[in-house]
Each structure stands twice: as C-alpha cells, then as structure tokens.
Amino acid sequence: KGLILDGTIFFKKGYSKKGLHGTKSRDLIVFAAET
C-alpha cells in the first residue's frame, strides 16, 4: 500500500492518506471519511 501514489500530488487541496494526521478521535474520523 505504501507504493501507491497519493492523489494529493495532483491536487494540493486534497487530504493525504499516506499516514495518520493525528491519533485523536477527530483525526481518525476525518481520515476514515477521506478514505
């Protein structure tokens, strides 16, 4: 999965899913929504 390019390289506005943006509940909820 780490070999897949993240779409944010084309759209700077996007949300990178290469890694978590934090471990708080809100961070996880946003990450899941972005998936």
All heavy atoms as atom14 arrays in JSON, in Angstrom:
{
  "sequence": "KGLILDGTIFFKKGYSKKGLHGTKSRDLIVFAAET",
  "atom14_mask": [
    [1, 1, 1, 1, 1, 1, 1, 1, 1, 0, 0, 0, 0, 0],
    [1, 1, 1, 1, 0, 0, 0, 0, 0, 0, 0, 0, 0, 0],
    [1, 1, 1, 1, 1, 1, 1, 1, 0, 0, 0, 0, 0, 0],
    [1, 1, 1, 1, 1, 1, 1, 1, 0, 0, 0, 0, 0, 0],
    [1, 1, 1, 1, 1, 1, 1, 1, 0, 0, 0, 0, 0, 0],
    [1, 1, 1, 1, 1, 1, 1, 1, 0, 0, 0, 0, 0, 0],
    [1, 1, 1, 1, 0, 0, 0, 0, 0, 0, 0, 0, 0, 0],
    [1, 1, 1, 1, 1, 1, 1, 0, 0, 0, 0, 0, 0, 0],
    [1, 1, 1, 1, 1, 1, 1, 1, 0, 0, 0, 0, 0, 0],
    [1, 1, 1, 1, 1, 1, 1, 1, 1, 1, 1, 0, 0, 0],
    [1, 1, 1, 1, 1, 1, 1, 1, 1, 1, 1, 0, 0, 0],
    [1, 1, 1, 1, 1, 1, 1, 1, 1, 0, 0, 0, 0, 0],
    [1, 1, 1, 1, 1, 1, 1, 1, 1, 0, 0, 0, 0, 0],
    [1, 1, 1, 1, 0, 0, 0, 0, 0, 0, 0, 0, 0, 0],
    [1, 1, 1, 1, 1, 1, 1, 1, 1, 1, 1, 1, 0, 0],
    [1, 1, 1, 1, 1, 1, 0, 0, 0, 0, 0, 0, 0, 0],
    [1, 1, 1, 1, 1, 1, 1, 1, 1, 0, 0, 0, 0, 0],
    [1, 1, 1, 1, 1, 1, 1, 1, 1, 0, 0, 0, 0, 0],
    [1, 1, 1, 1, 0, 0, 0, 0, 0, 0, 0, 0, 0, 0],
    [1, 1, 1, 1, 1, 1, 1, 1, 0, 0, 0, 0, 0, 0],
    [1, 1, 1, 1, 1, 1, 1, 1, 1, 1, 0, 0, 0, 0],
    [1, 1, 1, 1, 0, 0, 0, 0, 0, 0, 0, 0, 0, 0],
    [1, 1, 1, 1, 1, 1, 1, 0, 0, 0, 0, 0, 0, 0],
    [1, 1, 1, 1, 1, 1, 1, 1, 1, 0, 0, 0, 0, 0],
    [1, 1, 1, 1, 1, 1, 0, 0, 0, 0, 0, 0, 0, 0],
    [1, 1, 1, 1, 1, 1, 1, 1, 1, 1, 1, 0, 0, 0],
    [1, 1, 1, 1, 1, 1, 1, 1, 0, 0, 0, 0, 0, 0],
    [1, 1, 1, 1, 1, 1, 1, 1, 0, 0, 0, 0, 0, 0],
    [1, 1, 1, 1, 1, 1, 1, 1, 0, 0, 0, 0, 0, 0],
    [1, 1, 1, 1, 1, 1, 1, 0, 0, 0, 0, 0, 0, 0],
    [1, 1, 1, 1, 1, 1, 1, 1, 1, 1, 1, 0, 0, 0],
    [1, 1, 1, 1, 1, 0, 0, 0, 0, 0, 0, 0, 0, 0],
    [1, 1, 1, 1, 1, 0, 0, 0, 0, 0, 0, 0, 0, 0],
    [1, 1, 1, 1, 1, 1, 1, 1, 1, 0, 0, 0, 0, 0],
    [1, 1, 1, 1, 1, 1, 1, 0, 0, 0, 0, 0, 0, 0]
  ],
  "atom14_positions": [
    [[0.81, -1.22, 0.0], [0.0, 0.0, 0.0], [0.84, 1.27, 0.0], [0.43, 2.29, -0.55], [-1.02, 0.02, 1.14], [-0.44, 0.26, 2.52], [-1.55, 0.32, 3.54], [-0.99, 0.82, 4.85], [-1.99, 1.51, 5.63], [0.0, 0.0, 0.0], [0.0, 0.0, 0.0], [0.0, 0.0, 0.0], [0.0, 0.0, 0.0], [0.0, 0.0, 0.0]],
    [[2.02, 1.23, 0.53], [2.9, 2.39, 0.54], [3.43, 2.76, -0.84], [3.94, 3.86, -1.05], [0.0, 0.0, 0.0], [0.0, 0.0, 0.0], [0.0, 0.0, 0.0], [0.0, 0.0, 0.0], [0.0, 0.0, 0.0], [0.0, 0.0, 0.0], [0.0, 0.0, 0.0], [0.0, 0.0, 0.0], [0.0, 0.0, 0.0], [0.0, 0.0, 0.0]],
    [[3.31, 1.86, -1.8], [3.79, 2.12, -3.16], [2.79, 2.92, -4.0], [3.14, 3.44, -5.05], [4.08, 0.8, -3.88], [5.12, -0.11, -3.21], [5.2, -1.44, -3.94], [6.47, 0.58, -3.17], [0.0, 0.0, 0.0], [0.0, 0.0, 0.0], [0.0, 0.0, 0.0], [0.0, 0.0, 0.0], [0.0, 0.0, 0.0], [0.0, 0.0, 0.0]],
    [[1.55, 3.01, -3.53], [0.52, 3.71, -4.28], [0.7, 5.22, -4.1], [0.85, 5.71, -2.99], [-0.88, 3.27, -3.83], [-1.1, 1.81, -4.23], [-1.97, 4.17, -4.4], [-2.41, 1.23, -3.78], [0.0, 0.0, 0.0], [0.0, 0.0, 0.0], [0.0, 0.0, 0.0], [0.0, 0.0, 0.0], [0.0, 0.0, 0.0], [0.0, 0.0, 0.0]],
    [[0.7, 5.92, -5.23], [0.81, 7.37, -5.19], [-0.46, 7.96, -4.57], [-1.56, 7.51, -4.86], [0.99, 7.94, -6.59], [2.31, 7.64, -7.28], [2.29, 8.22, -8.7], [3.46, 8.22, -6.51], [0.0, 0.0, 0.0], [0.0, 0.0, 0.0], [0.0, 0.0, 0.0], [0.0, 0.0, 0.0], [0.0, 0.0, 0.0], [0.0, 0.0, 0.0]],
    [[-0.27, 8.98, -3.76], [-1.39, 9.68, -3.17], [-1.86, 10.76, -4.13], [-1.04, 11.47, -4.71], [-0.96, 10.29, -1.83], [-2.13, 10.77, -1.01], [-2.79, 11.74, -1.43], [-2.41, 10.18, 0.05], [0.0, 0.0, 0.0], [0.0, 0.0, 0.0], [0.0, 0.0, 0.0], [0.0, 0.0, 0.0], [0.0, 0.0, 0.0], [0.0, 0.0, 0.0]],
    [[-3.16, 10.9, -4.31], [-3.72, 11.88, -5.25], [-3.38, 13.32, -4.92], [-3.53, 14.2, -5.76], [0.0, 0.0, 0.0], [0.0, 0.0, 0.0], [0.0, 0.0, 0.0], [0.0, 0.0, 0.0], [0.0, 0.0, 0.0], [0.0, 0.0, 0.0], [0.0, 0.0, 0.0], [0.0, 0.0, 0.0], [0.0, 0.0, 0.0], [0.0, 0.0, 0.0]],
    [[-2.91, 13.57, -3.7], [-2.59, 14.95, -3.34], [-1.38, 15.49, -4.11], [-1.16, 16.69, -4.1], [-2.33, 15.09, -1.82], [-1.3, 14.19, -1.43], [-3.59, 14.81, -1.03], [0.0, 0.0, 0.0], [0.0, 0.0, 0.0], [0.0, 0.0, 0.0], [0.0, 0.0, 0.0], [0.0, 0.0, 0.0], [0.0, 0.0, 0.0], [0.0, 0.0, 0.0]],
    [[-0.65, 14.63, -4.8], [0.44, 15.16, -5.62], [-0.12, 15.91, -6.82], [0.56, 16.75, -7.4], [1.44, 14.05, -6.07], [0.76, 13.02, -6.97], [2.1, 13.4, -4.88], [1.73, 12.04, -7.61], [0.0, 0.0, 0.0], [0.0, 0.0, 0.0], [0.0, 0.0, 0.0], [0.0, 0.0, 0.0], [0.0, 0.0, 0.0], [0.0, 0.0, 0.0]],
    [[-1.37, 15.63, -7.19], [-2.02, 16.32, -8.3], [-2.93, 17.44, -7.81], [-3.13, 18.43, -8.5], [-2.84, 15.34, -9.15], [-2.0, 14.23, -9.71], [-2.12, 12.94, -9.22], [-1.09, 14.47, -10.71], [-1.35, 11.91, -9.72], [-0.3, 13.44, -11.23], [-0.44, 12.16, -10.72], [0.0, 0.0, 0.0], [0.0, 0.0, 0.0], [0.0, 0.0, 0.0]],
    [[-3.51, 17.23, -6.64], [-4.44, 18.2, -6.06], [-3.94, 18.59, -4.68], [-4.12, 17.86, -3.72], [-5.85, 17.6, -5.94], [-6.5, 17.31, -7.26], [-6.45, 16.05, -7.82], [-7.17, 18.31, -7.94], [-7.05, 15.78, -9.03], [-7.78, 18.06, -9.16], [-7.72, 16.79, -9.71], [0.0, 0.0, 0.0], [0.0, 0.0, 0.0], [0.0, 0.0, 0.0]],
    [[-3.33, 19.75, -4.6], [-2.76, 20.19, -3.32], [-3.83, 20.36, -2.25], [-3.55, 20.26, -1.07], [-2.01, 21.52, -3.51], [-0.87, 21.41, -4.52], [0.17, 20.41, -4.1], [1.28, 20.33, -5.11], [1.9, 19.06, -5.21], [0.0, 0.0, 0.0], [0.0, 0.0, 0.0], [0.0, 0.0, 0.0], [0.0, 0.0, 0.0], [0.0, 0.0, 0.0]],
    [[-5.08, 20.57, -2.68], [-6.17, 20.76, -1.74], [-6.58, 19.45, -1.06], [-7.22, 19.45, -0.04], [-7.38, 21.36, -2.48], [-8.56, 21.63, -1.61], [-9.75, 22.1, -2.42], [-10.97, 22.15, -1.53], [-12.2, 22.19, -2.26], [0.0, 0.0, 0.0], [0.0, 0.0, 0.0], [0.0, 0.0, 0.0], [0.0, 0.0, 0.0], [0.0, 0.0, 0.0]],
    [[-6.21, 18.34, -1.62], [-6.64, 17.04, -1.11], [-6.06, 16.71, 0.26], [-5.22, 17.42, 0.81], [0.0, 0.0, 0.0], [0.0, 0.0, 0.0], [0.0, 0.0, 0.0], [0.0, 0.0, 0.0], [0.0, 0.0, 0.0], [0.0, 0.0, 0.0], [0.0, 0.0, 0.0], [0.0, 0.0, 0.0], [0.0, 0.0, 0.0], [0.0, 0.0, 0.0]],
    [[-6.5, 15.61, 0.79], [-6.11, 15.13, 2.11], [-5.2, 13.92, 1.92], [-5.63, 12.89, 1.42], [-7.37, 14.74, 2.89], [-7.14, 14.24, 4.28], [-7.22, 15.1, 5.37], [-6.86, 12.9, 4.53], [-7.04, 14.63, 6.67], [-6.67, 12.42, 5.81], [-6.76, 13.29, 6.87], [-6.57, 12.84, 8.15], [0.0, 0.0, 0.0], [0.0, 0.0, 0.0]],
    [[-3.95, 14.05, 2.31], [-3.01, 12.95, 2.16], [-3.37, 11.8, 3.09], [-3.61, 12.0, 4.28], [-1.58, 13.41, 2.46], [-0.7, 12.31, 2.44], [0.0, 0.0, 0.0], [0.0, 0.0, 0.0], [0.0, 0.0, 0.0], [0.0, 0.0, 0.0], [0.0, 0.0, 0.0], [0.0, 0.0, 0.0], [0.0, 0.0, 0.0], [0.0, 0.0, 0.0]],
    [[-3.4, 10.61, 2.52], [-3.71, 9.42, 3.31], [-2.5, 8.51, 3.45], [-2.62, 7.32, 3.7], [-4.91, 8.68, 2.69], [-6.22, 9.44, 2.89], [-7.31, 8.97, 2.01], [-7.13, 9.25, 0.56], [-6.89, 10.61, 0.12], [0.0, 0.0, 0.0], [0.0, 0.0, 0.0], [0.0, 0.0, 0.0], [0.0, 0.0, 0.0], [0.0, 0.0, 0.0]],
    [[-1.31, 9.08, 3.28], [-0.08, 8.29, 3.43], [0.17, 7.91, 4.89], [0.9, 6.98, 5.18], [1.13, 9.07, 2.88], [1.23, 9.01, 1.37], [1.63, 7.62, 0.92], [1.91, 7.56, -0.55], [2.16, 6.21, -1.01], [0.0, 0.0, 0.0], [0.0, 0.0, 0.0], [0.0, 0.0, 0.0], [0.0, 0.0, 0.0], [0.0, 0.0, 0.0]],
    [[-0.43, 8.66, 5.8], [-0.27, 8.37, 7.21], [-1.31, 9.13, 8.01], [-1.98, 10.02, 7.48], [0.0, 0.0, 0.0], [0.0, 0.0, 0.0], [0.0, 0.0, 0.0], [0.0, 0.0, 0.0], [0.0, 0.0, 0.0], [0.0, 0.0, 0.0], [0.0, 0.0, 0.0], [0.0, 0.0, 0.0], [0.0, 0.0, 0.0], [0.0, 0.0, 0.0]],
    [[-1.45, 8.76, 9.25], [-2.41, 9.45, 10.12], [-1.96, 10.89, 10.36], [-0.77, 11.18, 10.44], [-2.52, 8.72, 11.46], [-3.21, 7.36, 11.44], [-3.13, 6.72, 12.82], [-4.65, 7.49, 10.99], [0.0, 0.0, 0.0], [0.0, 0.0, 0.0], [0.0, 0.0, 0.0], [0.0, 0.0, 0.0], [0.0, 0.0, 0.0], [0.0, 0.0, 0.0]],
    [[-2.93, 11.77, 10.51], [-2.65, 13.18, 10.79], [-2.74, 13.44, 12.28], [-2.71, 14.6, 12.71], [-3.65, 14.07, 10.04], [-3.46, 14.02, 8.55], [-3.25, 15.14, 7.8], [-3.44, 12.99, 7.67], [-3.12, 14.8, 6.52], [-3.23, 13.49, 6.42], [0.0, 0.0, 0.0], [0.0, 0.0, 0.0], [0.0, 0.0, 0.0], [0.0, 0.0, 0.0]],
    [[-2.88, 12.41, 13.05], [-3.0, 12.51, 14.5], [-3.73, 11.27, 15.0], [-4.24, 10.48, 14.22], [0.0, 0.0, 0.0], [0.0, 0.0, 0.0], [0.0, 0.0, 0.0], [0.0, 0.0, 0.0], [0.0, 0.0, 0.0], [0.0, 0.0, 0.0], [0.0, 0.0, 0.0], [0.0, 0.0, 0.0], [0.0, 0.0, 0.0], [0.0, 0.0, 0.0]],
    [[-3.78, 11.12, 16.3], [-4.42, 9.92, 16.87], [-5.64, 10.27, 17.71], [-6.22, 9.39, 18.34], [-3.42, 9.12, 17.71], [-2.86, 9.98, 18.72], [-2.31, 8.54, 16.85], [0.0, 0.0, 0.0], [0.0, 0.0, 0.0], [0.0, 0.0, 0.0], [0.0, 0.0, 0.0], [0.0, 0.0, 0.0], [0.0, 0.0, 0.0], [0.0, 0.0, 0.0]],
    [[-6.03, 11.55, 17.71], [-7.24, 11.93, 18.44], [-8.46, 11.42, 17.66], [-8.38, 11.17, 16.46], [-7.3, 13.44, 18.6], [-6.21, 13.96, 19.5], [-6.32, 15.45, 19.7], [-5.23, 15.87, 20.67], [-4.78, 17.2, 20.47], [0.0, 0.0, 0.0], [0.0, 0.0, 0.0], [0.0, 0.0, 0.0], [0.0, 0.0, 0.0], [0.0, 0.0, 0.0]],
    [[-9.56, 11.28, 18.36], [-10.77, 10.76, 17.76], [-11.16, 11.52, 16.49], [-11.48, 10.92, 15.47], [-11.91, 10.82, 18.78], [-13.09, 10.33, 18.22], [0.0, 0.0, 0.0], [0.0, 0.0, 0.0], [0.0, 0.0, 0.0], [0.0, 0.0, 0.0], [0.0, 0.0, 0.0], [0.0, 0.0, 0.0], [0.0, 0.0, 0.0], [0.0, 0.0, 0.0]],
    [[-11.1, 12.84, 16.53], [-11.47, 13.66, 15.36], [-10.53, 13.36, 14.19], [-10.98, 13.27, 13.05], [-11.41, 15.14, 15.72], [-11.49, 16.05, 14.5], [-12.68, 16.98, 14.55], [-12.69, 17.91, 13.45], [-13.36, 17.69, 12.32], [-14.04, 16.6, 12.15], [-13.35, 18.58, 11.36], [0.0, 0.0, 0.0], [0.0, 0.0, 0.0], [0.0, 0.0, 0.0]],
    [[-9.24, 13.21, 14.44], [-8.28, 12.91, 13.38], [-8.64, 11.59, 12.7], [-8.58, 11.47, 11.47], [-6.86, 12.8, 13.94], [-6.38, 14.08, 14.59], [-6.69, 15.17, 14.08], [-5.68, 13.98, 15.63], [0.0, 0.0, 0.0], [0.0, 0.0, 0.0], [0.0, 0.0, 0.0], [0.0, 0.0, 0.0], [0.0, 0.0, 0.0], [0.0, 0.0, 0.0]],
    [[-9.0, 10.59, 13.49], [-9.35, 9.28, 12.95], [-10.65, 9.33, 12.16], [-10.77, 8.69, 11.11], [-9.44, 8.25, 14.08], [-8.15, 8.02, 14.87], [-8.4, 7.07, 16.03], [-7.04, 7.5, 13.97], [0.0, 0.0, 0.0], [0.0, 0.0, 0.0], [0.0, 0.0, 0.0], [0.0, 0.0, 0.0], [0.0, 0.0, 0.0], [0.0, 0.0, 0.0]],
    [[-11.61, 10.09, 12.64], [-12.9, 10.23, 11.95], [-12.7, 10.9, 10.59], [-13.26, 10.47, 9.58], [-13.91, 10.99, 12.83], [-14.33, 10.11, 14.02], [-15.12, 11.45, 12.03], [-15.08, 10.85, 15.11], [0.0, 0.0, 0.0], [0.0, 0.0, 0.0], [0.0, 0.0, 0.0], [0.0, 0.0, 0.0], [0.0, 0.0, 0.0], [0.0, 0.0, 0.0]],
    [[-11.9, 11.95, 10.55], [-11.63, 12.65, 9.29], [-10.87, 11.73, 8.34], [-11.18, 11.66, 7.15], [-10.86, 13.97, 9.54], [-10.35, 14.57, 8.23], [-11.75, 14.97, 10.27], [0.0, 0.0, 0.0], [0.0, 0.0, 0.0], [0.0, 0.0, 0.0], [0.0, 0.0, 0.0], [0.0, 0.0, 0.0], [0.0, 0.0, 0.0], [0.0, 0.0, 0.0]],
    [[-9.88, 11.01, 8.85], [-9.13, 10.09, 8.0], [-10.07, 9.05, 7.38], [-10.03, 8.79, 6.18], [-8.02, 9.4, 8.81], [-7.06, 8.6, 7.97], [-5.85, 9.16, 7.59], [-7.35, 7.31, 7.56], [-4.94, 8.44, 6.81], [-6.46, 6.58, 6.78], [-5.26, 7.15, 6.4], [0.0, 0.0, 0.0], [0.0, 0.0, 0.0], [0.0, 0.0, 0.0]],
    [[-10.95, 8.47, 8.2], [-11.91, 7.47, 7.7], [-12.83, 8.09, 6.65], [-13.12, 7.46, 5.62], [-12.71, 6.89, 8.86], [0.0, 0.0, 0.0], [0.0, 0.0, 0.0], [0.0, 0.0, 0.0], [0.0, 0.0, 0.0], [0.0, 0.0, 0.0], [0.0, 0.0, 0.0], [0.0, 0.0, 0.0], [0.0, 0.0, 0.0], [0.0, 0.0, 0.0]],
    [[-13.28, 9.31, 6.88], [-14.14, 9.99, 5.9], [-13.39, 10.2, 4.59], [-13.96, 10.03, 3.51], [-14.63, 11.32, 6.47], [0.0, 0.0, 0.0], [0.0, 0.0, 0.0], [0.0, 0.0, 0.0], [0.0, 0.0, 0.0], [0.0, 0.0, 0.0], [0.0, 0.0, 0.0], [0.0, 0.0, 0.0], [0.0, 0.0, 0.0], [0.0, 0.0, 0.0]],
    [[-12.13, 10.56, 4.68], [-11.35, 10.78, 3.46], [-11.09, 9.48, 2.7], [-10.94, 9.48, 1.49], [-10.05, 11.51, 3.78], [-10.25, 12.96, 4.2], [-10.81, 13.86, 3.11], [-10.8, 13.49, 1.92], [-11.27, 14.97, 3.44], [0.0, 0.0, 0.0], [0.0, 0.0, 0.0], [0.0, 0.0, 0.0], [0.0, 0.0, 0.0], [0.0, 0.0, 0.0]],
    [[-11.07, 8.34, 3.4], [-10.95, 7.06, 2.69], [-12.23, 6.79, 1.89], [-12.18, 6.19, 0.83], [-10.67, 5.86, 3.63], [-11.79, 5.62, 4.47], [-9.4, 6.07, 4.45], [0.0, 0.0, 0.0], [0.0, 0.0, 0.0], [0.0, 0.0, 0.0], [0.0, 0.0, 0.0], [0.0, 0.0, 0.0], [0.0, 0.0, 0.0], [0.0, 0.0, 0.0]]
  ]
}
